[in-house]
Amino acid sequence: MISKILKPEDLEFTFAVIMPDFEQPWGIMQQCEKWMKVVKDAIFKITPNLELRTMERLKDRVVDICKHYHEPEFDKDGKFISNRP
């Protein structure tokens, strides 16, 4: 259903949130695997319709985000320490 609603040009401005059912904690991994597959399949159906330039730009953005990821820092009271000016 996702690939029918989401257009290729929307992919750049879209993100997915997977929220497992904590009422059944023994099934969290299976739920996450199931929904990750749903999202992956939808993306794979959409990406062939993207322009190559757009797809490369999106790929570069993901790589850049992963390379520059920093774990958040917290003080001794558990408050977030912002490293941004």
N, C-alpha and C. Protein backbone atom coordinates (compact mmCIF):
# COMPACT_ATOMS: atom_id res chain seq x y z
N MET A 1 0.82 -1.18 0.00
CA MET A 1 0.00 0.00 0.00
C MET A 1 0.87 1.26 0.00
N ILE A 2 2.02 1.20 0.66
CA ILE A 2 2.90 2.37 0.74
C ILE A 2 3.32 2.82 -0.65
N SER A 3 3.72 1.86 -1.48
CA SER A 3 4.21 2.22 -2.81
C SER A 3 3.12 2.77 -3.71
N LYS A 4 1.85 2.53 -3.38
CA LYS A 4 0.75 3.08 -4.17
C LYS A 4 0.45 4.52 -3.78
N ILE A 5 0.74 4.86 -2.53
CA ILE A 5 0.46 6.20 -2.02
C ILE A 5 1.65 7.13 -2.22
N LEU A 6 2.84 6.61 -1.96
CA LEU A 6 4.05 7.41 -2.02
C LEU A 6 4.56 7.52 -3.45
N LYS A 7 4.78 8.74 -3.88
CA LYS A 7 5.30 8.98 -5.23
C LYS A 7 6.82 9.08 -5.16
N PRO A 8 7.52 8.76 -6.23
CA PRO A 8 8.99 8.84 -6.21
C PRO A 8 9.52 10.20 -5.77
N GLU A 9 8.86 11.27 -6.20
CA GLU A 9 9.33 12.60 -5.84
C GLU A 9 9.11 12.92 -4.35
N ASP A 10 8.25 12.15 -3.68
CA ASP A 10 8.00 12.35 -2.25
C ASP A 10 9.03 11.65 -1.38
N LEU A 11 9.74 10.70 -1.93
CA LEU A 11 10.65 9.87 -1.15
C LEU A 11 11.70 10.70 -0.42
N GLU A 12 12.16 11.76 -1.05
CA GLU A 12 13.19 12.60 -0.46
C GLU A 12 12.73 13.26 0.84
N PHE A 13 11.44 13.47 0.99
CA PHE A 13 10.91 14.19 2.15
C PHE A 13 10.10 13.29 3.06
N THR A 14 10.38 11.99 3.02
CA THR A 14 9.59 11.01 3.76
C THR A 14 10.49 10.21 4.69
N PHE A 15 9.97 9.88 5.86
CA PHE A 15 10.67 8.97 6.74
C PHE A 15 9.65 8.02 7.36
N ALA A 16 10.14 6.90 7.84
CA ALA A 16 9.25 5.90 8.43
C ALA A 16 9.60 5.71 9.89
N VAL A 17 8.59 5.48 10.69
CA VAL A 17 8.77 5.19 12.10
C VAL A 17 8.11 3.84 12.35
N ILE A 18 8.88 2.94 12.92
CA ILE A 18 8.35 1.62 13.26
C ILE A 18 8.20 1.58 14.77
N MET A 19 6.98 1.37 15.22
CA MET A 19 6.69 1.34 16.64
C MET A 19 6.19 -0.05 17.00
N PRO A 20 7.03 -0.88 17.62
CA PRO A 20 6.59 -2.23 17.97
C PRO A 20 5.57 -2.22 19.10
N ASP A 21 4.84 -3.30 19.20
CA ASP A 21 3.81 -3.46 20.23
C ASP A 21 4.49 -3.94 21.51
N PHE A 22 4.60 -3.05 22.50
CA PHE A 22 5.27 -3.41 23.75
C PHE A 22 4.38 -4.24 24.67
N GLU A 23 3.13 -4.45 24.27
CA GLU A 23 2.26 -5.36 25.02
C GLU A 23 2.73 -6.80 24.83
N GLN A 24 3.47 -7.03 23.74
CA GLN A 24 3.99 -8.36 23.45
C GLN A 24 5.50 -8.26 23.22
N PRO A 25 6.28 -8.02 24.27
CA PRO A 25 7.71 -7.77 24.10
C PRO A 25 8.48 -8.95 23.50
N TRP A 26 7.95 -10.14 23.62
CA TRP A 26 8.62 -11.31 23.05
C TRP A 26 8.57 -11.31 21.53
N GLY A 27 7.75 -10.48 20.94
CA GLY A 27 7.63 -10.44 19.49
C GLY A 27 8.21 -9.19 18.85
N ILE A 28 8.94 -8.40 19.63
CA ILE A 28 9.45 -7.12 19.11
C ILE A 28 10.34 -7.31 17.90
N MET A 29 11.27 -8.25 17.96
CA MET A 29 12.19 -8.47 16.83
C MET A 29 11.42 -8.90 15.58
N GLN A 30 10.46 -9.78 15.73
CA GLN A 30 9.68 -10.24 14.58
C GLN A 30 8.86 -9.08 13.99
N GLN A 31 8.31 -8.25 14.86
CA GLN A 31 7.54 -7.10 14.38
C GLN A 31 8.44 -6.14 13.61
N CYS A 32 9.61 -5.85 14.16
CA CYS A 32 10.53 -4.94 13.49
C CYS A 32 10.99 -5.51 12.15
N GLU A 33 11.31 -6.79 12.12
CA GLU A 33 11.72 -7.43 10.87
C GLU A 33 10.61 -7.37 9.83
N LYS A 34 9.39 -7.64 10.27
CA LYS A 34 8.24 -7.61 9.35
C LYS A 34 8.07 -6.23 8.73
N TRP A 35 8.06 -5.19 9.57
CA TRP A 35 7.79 -3.84 9.07
C TRP A 35 8.98 -3.25 8.32
N MET A 36 10.20 -3.66 8.68
CA MET A 36 11.37 -3.23 7.90
C MET A 36 11.28 -3.81 6.49
N LYS A 37 10.82 -5.05 6.37
CA LYS A 37 10.66 -5.67 5.05
C LYS A 37 9.59 -4.93 4.25
N VAL A 38 8.50 -4.54 4.90
CA VAL A 38 7.43 -3.80 4.22
C VAL A 38 7.98 -2.47 3.68
N VAL A 39 8.73 -1.75 4.52
CA VAL A 39 9.30 -0.47 4.10
C VAL A 39 10.32 -0.69 2.97
N LYS A 40 11.20 -1.68 3.14
CA LYS A 40 12.22 -1.96 2.12
C LYS A 40 11.56 -2.31 0.78
N ASP A 41 10.56 -3.17 0.79
CA ASP A 41 9.88 -3.55 -0.45
C ASP A 41 9.23 -2.34 -1.12
N ALA A 42 8.63 -1.47 -0.31
CA ALA A 42 8.00 -0.26 -0.86
C ALA A 42 9.05 0.64 -1.51
N ILE A 43 10.16 0.80 -0.84
CA ILE A 43 11.24 1.65 -1.40
C ILE A 43 11.77 1.05 -2.69
N PHE A 44 11.94 -0.27 -2.71
CA PHE A 44 12.45 -0.93 -3.92
C PHE A 44 11.47 -0.82 -5.09
N LYS A 45 10.17 -0.70 -4.80
CA LYS A 45 9.19 -0.51 -5.87
C LYS A 45 9.22 0.93 -6.39
N ILE A 46 9.55 1.87 -5.51
CA ILE A 46 9.52 3.28 -5.86
C ILE A 46 10.80 3.72 -6.57
N THR A 47 11.96 3.24 -6.10
CA THR A 47 13.23 3.77 -6.60
C THR A 47 13.47 3.60 -8.10
N PRO A 48 12.97 2.56 -8.76
CA PRO A 48 13.19 2.51 -10.21
C PRO A 48 12.57 3.69 -10.96
N ASN A 49 11.61 4.35 -10.35
CA ASN A 49 10.96 5.49 -10.99
C ASN A 49 11.65 6.82 -10.68
N LEU A 50 12.70 6.78 -9.85
CA LEU A 50 13.45 8.00 -9.53
C LEU A 50 14.47 8.30 -10.61
N GLU A 51 14.73 9.57 -10.79
CA GLU A 51 15.82 9.95 -11.69
C GLU A 51 17.13 9.52 -11.04
N LEU A 52 18.08 9.11 -11.84
CA LEU A 52 19.36 8.63 -11.33
C LEU A 52 20.04 9.70 -10.47
N ARG A 53 19.98 10.93 -10.90
CA ARG A 53 20.60 12.03 -10.16
C ARG A 53 19.98 12.16 -8.76
N THR A 54 18.67 12.05 -8.68
CA THR A 54 17.97 12.16 -7.40
C THR A 54 18.34 10.98 -6.50
N MET A 55 18.39 9.79 -7.06
CA MET A 55 18.72 8.61 -6.28
C MET A 55 20.16 8.70 -5.74
N GLU A 56 21.08 9.19 -6.55
CA GLU A 56 22.46 9.35 -6.09
C GLU A 56 22.54 10.39 -4.98
N ARG A 57 21.79 11.47 -5.10
CA ARG A 57 21.79 12.51 -4.08
C ARG A 57 21.25 11.96 -2.75
N LEU A 58 20.18 11.17 -2.83
CA LEU A 58 19.62 10.56 -1.62
C LEU A 58 20.60 9.59 -0.99
N LYS A 59 21.24 8.79 -1.82
CA LYS A 59 22.23 7.83 -1.31
C LYS A 59 23.37 8.57 -0.62
N ASP A 60 23.86 9.64 -1.23
CA ASP A 60 24.94 10.42 -0.63
C ASP A 60 24.52 11.04 0.70
N ARG A 61 23.27 11.48 0.79
CA ARG A 61 22.77 12.04 2.05
C ARG A 61 22.77 11.01 3.16
N VAL A 62 22.31 9.80 2.85
CA VAL A 62 22.27 8.73 3.85
C VAL A 62 23.69 8.38 4.31
N VAL A 63 24.60 8.26 3.36
CA VAL A 63 26.00 7.95 3.70
C VAL A 63 26.57 9.07 4.57
N ASP A 64 26.32 10.31 4.22
CA ASP A 64 26.83 11.44 4.98
C ASP A 64 26.28 11.45 6.40
N ILE A 65 25.00 11.20 6.54
CA ILE A 65 24.38 11.17 7.87
C ILE A 65 25.01 10.06 8.72
N CYS A 66 25.22 8.90 8.13
CA CYS A 66 25.80 7.78 8.88
C CYS A 66 27.25 8.06 9.27
N LYS A 67 28.00 8.67 8.38
CA LYS A 67 29.41 8.95 8.67
C LYS A 67 29.57 10.01 9.76
N HIS A 68 28.65 10.94 9.85
CA HIS A 68 28.79 12.05 10.79
C HIS A 68 27.92 11.88 12.04
N TYR A 69 27.40 10.70 12.25
CA TYR A 69 26.56 10.46 13.43
C TYR A 69 27.42 10.49 14.70
N HIS A 70 26.93 11.17 15.71
CA HIS A 70 27.59 11.19 17.02
C HIS A 70 26.56 10.81 18.06
N GLU A 71 26.97 9.96 18.99
CA GLU A 71 26.08 9.59 20.08
C GLU A 71 25.74 10.84 20.89
N PRO A 72 24.50 10.97 21.31
CA PRO A 72 24.15 12.13 22.13
C PRO A 72 24.86 12.05 23.48
N GLU A 73 25.18 13.20 24.04
CA GLU A 73 25.85 13.25 25.34
C GLU A 73 24.88 13.79 26.38
N PHE A 74 25.01 13.24 27.58
CA PHE A 74 24.17 13.64 28.69
C PHE A 74 25.05 13.97 29.89
N ASP A 75 24.60 14.94 30.70
CA ASP A 75 25.36 15.25 31.91
C ASP A 75 25.02 14.24 33.00
N LYS A 76 25.59 14.44 34.20
CA LYS A 76 25.41 13.47 35.28
C LYS A 76 23.96 13.37 35.75
N ASP A 77 23.14 14.39 35.44
CA ASP A 77 21.71 14.38 35.81
C ASP A 77 20.83 13.81 34.70
N GLY A 78 21.46 13.41 33.62
CA GLY A 78 20.71 12.83 32.51
C GLY A 78 20.15 13.85 31.53
N LYS A 79 20.58 15.09 31.64
CA LYS A 79 20.12 16.14 30.73
C LYS A 79 20.99 16.15 29.48
N PHE A 80 20.35 16.35 28.35
CA PHE A 80 21.03 16.37 27.06
C PHE A 80 21.99 17.55 26.99
N ILE A 81 23.20 17.27 26.50
CA ILE A 81 24.21 18.31 26.29
C ILE A 81 24.25 18.61 24.80
N SER A 82 23.87 19.81 24.43
CA SER A 82 23.87 20.21 23.04
C SER A 82 25.27 20.68 22.64
N ASN A 83 25.81 20.13 21.56
CA ASN A 83 27.12 20.54 21.06
C ASN A 83 26.99 21.58 19.95
N ARG A 84 25.77 21.99 19.66
CA ARG A 84 25.55 22.98 18.61
C ARG A 84 25.71 24.38 19.17
N PRO A 85 26.28 25.28 18.38
CA PRO A 85 26.45 26.67 18.85
C PRO A 85 25.14 27.41 18.99
